[in-house]
Amino acid sequence: MACELALAGLRVAPLLRRFRAEHERLRDTADAAAGDPFARQIAGAALALRIDPLTLRSVVEEWMIERPGKWLRLARRRGFLAELAAFRGAGGKSALVSDYPASRKLSALGAAELFDAVVACGEPGGPRGLKPSPESYLAAATLLGVTPSECLVIGDREDADGEAARRAGMAFRRVSGL
């Protein structure tokens, strides 16, 4: 994917960097009443870039959701997915929580069946706040029919995943390179 971006995506790299910077800026705001964080991220980055939000959304969807799909199976963590499958096979429940649309990536990865629920910004019913807001984790617990104290959050960012888990009353395990 990095080679593809380097060869064909030079014009979009600055757009994607600004989109990611807007994500980090929004992470620090507590205004969940303003609606879908993914849509706010698109709007804020488009405003800063002085481009049409629909143009930016198209670039983001192509380069962050569609194009990576063909590479995901090659990069999957087979050991982690096997562990998750075994956990579910023993009766465990799992949810994927993401600050970005995730369902299409899960399908491309061939892992959609490993999750009982998906709570993702930019998708129907998604949270109104980004991590470290605990909203998305609490929604996942509700969808799974479990209490927050029964949940283990596995994530790669202490400042986002870990803090959101603690605010939700859930245990947290940090892993690198998910």
Protein backbone atom coordinates (compact mmCIF):
# COMPACT_ATOMS: atom_id res chain seq x y z
CA MET A 1 0.00 0.00 0.00
CA ALA A 2 2.87 2.38 0.79
CA CYS A 3 4.37 1.79 -2.67
CA GLU A 4 0.99 2.37 -4.27
CA LEU A 5 0.63 5.64 -2.39
CA ALA A 6 4.18 6.68 -3.30
CA LEU A 7 3.69 5.90 -6.98
CA ALA A 8 0.13 6.98 -7.61
CA GLY A 9 -0.88 8.99 -4.61
CA LEU A 10 1.47 11.95 -4.44
CA ARG A 11 -1.40 14.34 -5.04
CA VAL A 12 -3.50 12.79 -2.26
CA ALA A 13 -0.82 12.41 0.43
CA PRO A 14 -1.20 16.02 1.69
CA LEU A 15 -4.98 15.57 1.80
CA LEU A 16 -4.69 12.39 3.85
CA ARG A 17 -2.16 13.99 6.22
CA ARG A 18 -4.53 16.90 6.84
CA PHE A 19 -7.44 14.48 7.32
CA ARG A 20 -5.42 12.60 9.98
CA ALA A 21 -4.37 15.85 11.65
CA GLU A 22 -8.03 16.86 11.87
CA HIS A 23 -8.76 13.53 13.55
CA GLU A 24 -6.22 14.27 16.28
CA ARG A 25 -7.58 17.80 16.67
CA LEU A 26 -11.14 16.50 17.05
CA ARG A 27 -10.01 13.85 19.54
CA ASP A 28 -9.35 16.66 22.00
CA THR A 29 -12.83 18.17 21.68
CA ALA A 30 -15.74 17.02 23.77
CA ASP A 31 -18.50 18.27 21.47
CA ALA A 32 -20.33 15.02 20.79
CA ALA A 33 -23.54 16.91 20.06
CA ALA A 34 -22.15 18.02 16.71
CA GLY A 35 -22.84 14.65 15.05
CA ASP A 36 -20.72 11.98 13.37
CA PRO A 37 -17.00 12.56 14.07
CA PHE A 38 -16.03 11.11 10.68
CA ALA A 39 -18.22 13.67 8.90
CA ARG A 40 -16.81 16.45 11.13
CA GLN A 41 -13.30 15.28 10.32
CA ILE A 42 -14.04 15.45 6.58
CA ALA A 43 -15.63 18.89 6.94
CA GLY A 44 -12.82 20.34 9.05
CA ALA A 45 -10.04 18.99 6.85
CA ALA A 46 -11.82 20.12 3.67
CA LEU A 47 -12.22 23.62 5.11
CA ALA A 48 -8.52 23.77 6.04
CA LEU A 49 -7.54 22.48 2.60
CA ARG A 50 -10.06 24.74 0.83
CA ILE A 51 -11.54 21.89 -1.16
CA ASP A 52 -15.03 20.48 -1.52
CA PRO A 53 -15.89 18.04 1.32
CA LEU A 54 -17.29 15.53 -1.20
CA THR A 55 -13.96 15.55 -3.05
CA LEU A 56 -12.07 14.88 0.17
CA ARG A 57 -14.51 12.17 1.24
CA SER A 58 -13.98 10.45 -2.11
CA VAL A 59 -10.18 10.56 -1.68
CA VAL A 60 -10.40 9.27 1.90
CA GLU A 61 -12.74 6.44 0.95
CA GLU A 62 -10.54 5.42 -1.97
CA TRP A 63 -7.19 5.60 -0.19
CA MET A 64 -8.12 4.64 3.39
CA ILE A 65 -10.97 2.19 2.87
CA GLU A 66 -11.10 0.76 -0.67
CA ARG A 67 -7.47 0.51 -1.82
CA PRO A 68 -6.14 -1.01 1.43
CA GLY A 69 -8.76 -3.76 1.13
CA LYS A 70 -6.79 -5.70 -1.45
CA TRP A 71 -3.70 -5.74 0.80
CA LEU A 72 -5.33 -6.51 4.15
CA ARG A 73 -5.34 -10.30 3.83
CA LEU A 74 -1.57 -10.21 3.27
CA ALA A 75 -1.00 -8.12 6.40
CA ARG A 76 -3.39 -9.87 8.76
CA ARG A 77 -2.17 -11.12 12.10
CA ARG A 78 -3.05 -14.79 11.77
CA GLY A 79 -2.13 -15.63 15.38
CA PHE A 80 -4.34 -12.89 16.76
CA LEU A 81 -7.24 -13.86 14.48
CA ALA A 82 -6.86 -17.52 15.49
CA GLU A 83 -6.88 -16.54 19.16
CA LEU A 84 -10.01 -14.47 18.61
CA ALA A 85 -11.70 -17.35 16.76
CA ALA A 86 -10.85 -19.72 19.63
CA PHE A 87 -12.22 -17.25 22.17
CA ARG A 88 -15.48 -16.99 20.23
CA GLY A 89 -15.57 -20.76 19.75
CA ALA A 90 -15.48 -21.12 23.54
CA GLY A 91 -18.53 -18.84 23.85
CA GLY A 92 -16.83 -15.46 24.12
CA LYS A 93 -18.27 -12.35 22.55
CA SER A 94 -16.31 -9.73 20.63
CA ALA A 95 -16.83 -6.30 19.17
CA LEU A 96 -14.70 -4.10 16.99
CA VAL A 97 -14.64 -0.42 17.96
CA SER A 98 -13.11 2.10 15.58
CA ASP A 99 -12.86 5.85 15.06
CA TYR A 100 -13.07 5.13 11.30
CA PRO A 101 -15.45 3.11 9.11
CA ALA A 102 -14.48 -0.52 9.65
CA SER A 103 -17.04 -2.95 8.19
CA ARG A 104 -15.65 -2.98 4.63
CA LYS A 105 -12.11 -3.49 5.92
CA LEU A 106 -13.25 -6.38 8.12
CA SER A 107 -14.89 -8.00 5.10
CA ALA A 108 -11.76 -7.51 2.97
CA LEU A 109 -9.70 -9.02 5.77
CA GLY A 110 -12.02 -12.03 5.91
CA ALA A 111 -12.65 -11.42 9.60
CA ALA A 112 -16.17 -9.98 9.75
CA GLU A 113 -17.52 -13.23 11.22
CA LEU A 114 -15.18 -12.90 14.20
CA PHE A 115 -17.14 -9.97 15.62
CA ASP A 116 -20.62 -9.94 17.10
CA ALA A 117 -20.80 -6.16 16.80
CA VAL A 118 -19.05 -3.28 15.05
CA VAL A 119 -19.20 0.22 16.51
CA ALA A 120 -17.47 2.60 14.12
CA CYS A 121 -17.53 6.28 13.33
CA GLY A 122 -18.78 6.97 9.83
CA GLU A 123 -21.13 3.98 9.89
CA PRO A 124 -24.83 3.82 10.76
CA GLY A 125 -25.37 3.98 14.50
CA GLY A 126 -21.75 4.94 15.08
CA PRO A 127 -20.61 6.92 18.11
CA ARG A 128 -20.81 10.69 18.28
CA GLY A 129 -17.42 11.06 19.95
CA LEU A 130 -13.90 9.86 19.23
CA LYS A 131 -11.77 7.94 21.69
CA PRO A 132 -10.88 8.66 24.48
CA SER A 133 -14.62 9.19 24.87
CA PRO A 134 -15.92 5.95 26.39
CA GLU A 135 -19.14 6.11 24.33
CA SER A 136 -18.11 3.60 21.66
CA TYR A 137 -16.90 1.00 24.17
CA LEU A 138 -20.03 1.36 26.28
CA ALA A 139 -22.16 0.95 23.15
CA ALA A 140 -20.24 -2.21 22.25
CA ALA A 141 -20.80 -3.67 25.73
CA THR A 142 -24.51 -2.94 25.43
CA LEU A 143 -24.68 -4.61 22.01
CA LEU A 144 -22.89 -7.66 23.40
CA GLY A 145 -25.13 -7.78 26.46
CA VAL A 146 -22.25 -7.61 28.94
CA THR A 147 -21.25 -5.20 31.69
CA PRO A 148 -18.23 -2.92 31.22
CA SER A 149 -16.36 -4.72 34.01
CA GLU A 150 -16.59 -7.94 31.96
CA CYS A 151 -14.82 -6.35 28.98
CA LEU A 152 -11.21 -6.40 27.90
CA VAL A 153 -10.25 -3.73 25.38
CA ILE A 154 -7.31 -4.61 23.14
CA GLY A 155 -5.78 -1.58 21.45
CA ASP A 156 -2.58 0.02 20.28
CA ARG A 157 -2.90 3.52 21.73
CA GLU A 158 -2.71 4.18 25.43
CA ASP A 159 -3.94 7.77 25.00
CA ALA A 160 -7.01 6.77 22.98
CA ASP A 161 -7.95 3.11 23.50
CA GLY A 162 -6.54 2.82 27.01
CA GLU A 163 -8.03 6.05 28.30
CA ALA A 164 -11.44 5.28 26.73
CA ALA A 165 -11.40 1.81 28.30
CA ARG A 166 -10.58 3.21 31.76
CA ARG A 167 -13.33 5.85 31.44
CA ALA A 168 -15.75 3.05 30.51
CA GLY A 169 -14.70 0.90 33.48
CA MET A 170 -13.07 -1.75 31.29
CA ALA A 171 -9.72 -3.52 31.44
CA PHE A 172 -7.16 -2.61 28.78
CA ARG A 173 -4.36 -4.52 27.10
CA ARG A 174 -1.99 -2.55 24.91
CA VAL A 175 -0.53 -4.33 21.90
CA SER A 176 1.74 -2.95 19.24
CA GLY A 177 1.26 -3.25 15.53
CA LEU A 178 -2.30 -4.54 15.48
